[in-house]
Each structure stands twice: as structure tokens, then as C-alpha cells.
């Protein structure tokens, strides 16, 4: 089990690269990103990469199942976005329609935020 209470994306990424048995050079070269950008990600100086790059990273890393959600969650938290896996899933129009059926728009628009209770 991974303790994610204080973990940052950059720390998880470094851990996953090591567990995958990849060198940093092999990893960023395979991703097609420049060395300075990679080390900025790894040091936490820049936000985690966009979703397309996140998926590419995971394809290279072959993570443990419990790491996948954490990877997406940490990246989303630091990017202030919806997790990439959820955003990808929401491209399904039927799912969006189903979710919207349960939204109380009056409450959402009145309060500016909405918690489905």
C-alpha cells in the first residue's frame, strides 16, 4: 500500500522509474522530451505534464495497479485539473448524459458549487 498523504507527483514518478528499472535518460528519451524539462518535472519545478504525456509515461512504466490512480490523482491535483483517466472516460457521451441526469442544476447555479448528496 502506498502512503499518499504527503506524496508529490515528482516523488511518485521517480519511484516508478526506479521500480521499472529504467534510467532517467532512457525514460525521457523514450518519451521524446528534453532533458531540462524532464528534470524540472522530476524536481517539482514545473507542473506534471498534460494528460497525453501522462498516458505515455504510464505505458513506459508499466505501474502496479494501485499506482495508476495515485499517479493520475497527484498529477491532477498539482495541475488543478480533473484526473486524466476520468477526463478520458468522460468523453463517453452516454456516460455524460447519465451523470447529468443526477445533477441538480438549480442548486449548482445558486451555490456555485455542488455536492451530490
C-alpha atoms as a PDB file:
ATOM      1  CA  UNK A   1       0.000   0.000   0.000  1.00  0.00           C
ATOM      2  CA  UNK A   2       1.237   3.458  -0.868  1.00  0.00           C
ATOM      3  CA  UNK A   3       1.020   6.283   1.647  1.00  0.00           C
ATOM      4  CA  UNK A   4      -0.147   9.208  -0.497  1.00  0.00           C
ATOM      5  CA  UNK A   5      -0.836  11.695   2.293  1.00  0.00           C
ATOM      6  CA  UNK A   6       2.263  13.743   1.605  1.00  0.00           C
ATOM      7  CA  UNK A   7       3.446  12.352  -1.706  1.00  0.00           C
ATOM      8  CA  UNK A   8       4.042  14.621  -4.658  1.00  0.00           C
ATOM      9  CA  UNK A   9       3.840  13.681  -8.310  1.00  0.00           C
ATOM     10  CA  UNK A  10       7.591  14.141  -8.807  1.00  0.00           C
ATOM     11  CA  UNK A  11       8.373  11.715  -5.971  1.00  0.00           C
ATOM     12  CA  UNK A  12       5.990   9.085  -7.289  1.00  0.00           C
ATOM     13  CA  UNK A  13       7.392   9.438 -10.799  1.00  0.00           C
ATOM     14  CA  UNK A  14      10.968   8.985  -9.567  1.00  0.00           C
ATOM     15  CA  UNK A  15       9.914   5.918  -7.579  1.00  0.00           C
ATOM     16  CA  UNK A  16       8.075   4.408 -10.556  1.00  0.00           C
ATOM     17  CA  UNK A  17      11.002   4.977 -12.933  1.00  0.00           C
ATOM     18  CA  UNK A  18      13.299   3.204 -10.492  1.00  0.00           C
ATOM     19  CA  UNK A  19      10.842   0.316 -10.000  1.00  0.00           C
ATOM     20  CA  UNK A  20      10.529  -0.059 -13.782  1.00  0.00           C
ATOM     21  CA  UNK A  21      14.293  -0.497 -13.973  1.00  0.00           C
ATOM     22  CA  UNK A  22      14.704   2.447 -16.326  1.00  0.00           C
ATOM     23  CA  UNK A  23      17.429   5.055 -16.265  1.00  0.00           C
ATOM     24  CA  UNK A  24      16.281   8.647 -16.338  1.00  0.00           C
ATOM     25  CA  UNK A  25      17.961   9.097 -19.742  1.00  0.00           C
ATOM     26  CA  UNK A  26      16.199   6.083 -21.226  1.00  0.00           C
ATOM     27  CA  UNK A  27      12.876   7.263 -19.815  1.00  0.00           C
ATOM     28  CA  UNK A  28      12.919  10.851 -21.083  1.00  0.00           C
ATOM     29  CA  UNK A  29      14.437   9.791 -24.411  1.00  0.00           C
ATOM     30  CA  UNK A  30      11.688   7.211 -24.956  1.00  0.00           C
ATOM     31  CA  UNK A  31       9.101   9.893 -24.130  1.00  0.00           C
ATOM     32  CA  UNK A  32      10.671  12.310 -26.581  1.00  0.00           C
ATOM     33  CA  UNK A  33      11.112  15.108 -24.048  1.00  0.00           C
ATOM     34  CA  UNK A  34      14.149  17.255 -23.434  1.00  0.00           C
ATOM     35  CA  UNK A  35      16.461  16.646 -20.501  1.00  0.00           C
ATOM     36  CA  UNK A  36      15.877  20.042 -18.791  1.00  0.00           C
ATOM     37  CA  UNK A  37      12.085  19.657 -18.940  1.00  0.00           C
ATOM     38  CA  UNK A  38      12.289  16.133 -17.554  1.00  0.00           C
ATOM     39  CA  UNK A  39      14.446  17.220 -14.623  1.00  0.00           C
ATOM     40  CA  UNK A  40      12.111  20.158 -13.969  1.00  0.00           C
ATOM     41  CA  UNK A  41       9.246  17.647 -13.694  1.00  0.00           C
ATOM     42  CA  UNK A  42      11.318  15.346 -11.501  1.00  0.00           C
ATOM     43  CA  UNK A  43      12.301  18.191  -9.168  1.00  0.00           C
ATOM     44  CA  UNK A  44       8.743  19.559  -8.942  1.00  0.00           C
ATOM     45  CA  UNK A  45       9.748  22.913 -10.505  1.00  0.00           C
ATOM     46  CA  UNK A  46       7.029  22.574 -13.142  1.00  0.00           C
ATOM     47  CA  UNK A  47       3.580  21.061 -13.059  1.00  0.00           C
ATOM     48  CA  UNK A  48       3.154  17.446 -14.077  1.00  0.00           C
ATOM     49  CA  UNK A  49       2.820  17.019 -17.837  1.00  0.00           C
ATOM     50  CA  UNK A  50      -0.504  17.126 -19.703  1.00  0.00           C
ATOM     51  CA  UNK A  51      -2.708  14.056 -19.959  1.00  0.00           C
ATOM     52  CA  UNK A  52      -1.336  12.728 -23.269  1.00  0.00           C
ATOM     53  CA  UNK A  53       2.161  12.654 -21.781  1.00  0.00           C
ATOM     54  CA  UNK A  54       0.849  11.089 -18.560  1.00  0.00           C
ATOM     55  CA  UNK A  55      -0.590   8.181 -20.539  1.00  0.00           C
ATOM     56  CA  UNK A  56       2.695   7.821 -22.450  1.00  0.00           C
ATOM     57  CA  UNK A  57       4.602   7.751 -19.149  1.00  0.00           C
ATOM     58  CA  UNK A  58       2.402   5.010 -17.751  1.00  0.00           C
ATOM     59  CA  UNK A  59       2.787   2.906 -20.895  1.00  0.00           C
ATOM     60  CA  UNK A  60       6.567   3.005 -20.368  1.00  0.00           C
ATOM     61  CA  UNK A  61       6.445   2.466 -16.621  1.00  0.00           C
ATOM     62  CA  UNK A  62       4.017  -0.483 -16.518  1.00  0.00           C
ATOM     63  CA  UNK A  63       2.897   0.518 -12.996  1.00  0.00           C
ATOM     64  CA  UNK A  64       1.333  -1.522 -10.265  1.00  0.00           C
ATOM     65  CA  UNK A  65      -2.487  -1.189 -10.308  1.00  0.00           C
ATOM     66  CA  UNK A  66      -2.525   0.859  -7.089  1.00  0.00           C
ATOM     67  CA  UNK A  67      -0.039   3.328  -8.577  1.00  0.00           C
ATOM     68  CA  UNK A  68      -2.171   4.223 -11.591  1.00  0.00           C
ATOM     69  CA  UNK A  69      -4.938   6.090  -9.751  1.00  0.00           C
ATOM     70  CA  UNK A  70      -2.428   7.785  -7.467  1.00  0.00           C
ATOM     71  CA  UNK A  71      -0.362   8.887 -10.481  1.00  0.00           C
ATOM     72  CA  UNK A  72      -3.405  10.478 -12.139  1.00  0.00           C
ATOM     73  CA  UNK A  73      -4.701  11.961  -8.873  1.00  0.00           C
ATOM     74  CA  UNK A  74      -1.403  13.607  -7.930  1.00  0.00           C
ATOM     75  CA  UNK A  75      -0.906  14.996 -11.436  1.00  0.00           C
ATOM     76  CA  UNK A  76      -4.456  16.385 -11.467  1.00  0.00           C
ATOM     77  CA  UNK A  77      -4.122  17.911  -8.013  1.00  0.00           C
ATOM     78  CA  UNK A  78      -0.926  19.719  -8.955  1.00  0.00           C
ATOM     79  CA  UNK A  79      -2.304  20.787 -12.353  1.00  0.00           C
ATOM     80  CA  UNK A  80      -5.647  21.794 -10.786  1.00  0.00           C
ATOM     81  CA  UNK A  81      -7.481  19.619 -13.309  1.00  0.00           C
ATOM     82  CA  UNK A  82      -9.715  16.597 -13.455  1.00  0.00           C
ATOM     83  CA  UNK A  83      -7.592  13.416 -13.392  1.00  0.00           C
ATOM     84  CA  UNK A  84      -6.611  12.378 -16.929  1.00  0.00           C
ATOM     85  CA  UNK A  85      -8.222   8.936 -16.636  1.00  0.00           C
ATOM     86  CA  UNK A  86     -11.532  10.477 -15.566  1.00  0.00           C
ATOM     87  CA  UNK A  87     -11.374  13.160 -18.276  1.00  0.00           C
ATOM     88  CA  UNK A  88     -10.759  10.448 -20.879  1.00  0.00           C
ATOM     89  CA  UNK A  89     -13.700   8.428 -19.564  1.00  0.00           C
ATOM     90  CA  UNK A  90     -15.954  11.494 -19.691  1.00  0.00           C
ATOM     91  CA  UNK A  91     -15.532  11.606 -23.471  1.00  0.00           C
ATOM     92  CA  UNK A  92     -18.246   8.943 -23.480  1.00  0.00           C
ATOM     93  CA  UNK A  93     -21.396  10.909 -24.311  1.00  0.00           C
ATOM     94  CA  UNK A  94     -23.734   8.315 -22.815  1.00  0.00           C
ATOM     95  CA  UNK A  95     -21.887   8.460 -19.502  1.00  0.00           C
ATOM     96  CA  UNK A  96     -22.023  12.275 -19.504  1.00  0.00           C
ATOM     97  CA  UNK A  97     -25.741  12.202 -20.208  1.00  0.00           C
ATOM     98  CA  UNK A  98     -26.234   9.712 -17.355  1.00  0.00           C
ATOM     99  CA  UNK A  99     -24.214  11.848 -14.934  1.00  0.00           C
ATOM    100  CA  UNK A 100     -26.082  14.988 -15.913  1.00  0.00           C
ATOM    101  CA  UNK A 101     -29.403  13.338 -15.141  1.00  0.00           C
ATOM    102  CA  UNK A 102     -28.374  13.367 -11.479  1.00  0.00           C
ATOM    103  CA  UNK A 103     -27.194  17.000 -11.351  1.00  0.00           C
ATOM    104  CA  UNK A 104     -29.414  19.493  -9.564  1.00  0.00           C
ATOM    105  CA  UNK A 105     -28.677  22.482 -11.820  1.00  0.00           C
ATOM    106  CA  UNK A 106     -30.764  24.872  -9.738  1.00  0.00           C
ATOM    107  CA  UNK A 107     -28.644  24.124  -6.669  1.00  0.00           C
ATOM    108  CA  UNK A 108     -25.423  24.143  -8.704  1.00  0.00           C
ATOM    109  CA  UNK A 109     -26.096  27.542 -10.237  1.00  0.00           C
ATOM    110  CA  UNK A 110     -27.335  29.029  -6.973  1.00  0.00           C
ATOM    111  CA  UNK A 111     -24.367  27.974  -4.848  1.00  0.00           C
ATOM    112  CA  UNK A 112     -21.564  27.989  -7.410  1.00  0.00           C
ATOM    113  CA  UNK A 113     -20.543  24.537  -6.273  1.00  0.00           C
ATOM    114  CA  UNK A 114     -22.464  21.341  -5.928  1.00  0.00           C
ATOM    115  CA  UNK A 115     -22.175  18.237  -3.832  1.00  0.00           C
ATOM    116  CA  UNK A 116     -24.373  15.373  -4.873  1.00  0.00           C
ATOM    117  CA  UNK A 117     -25.805  14.109  -1.611  1.00  0.00           C
END
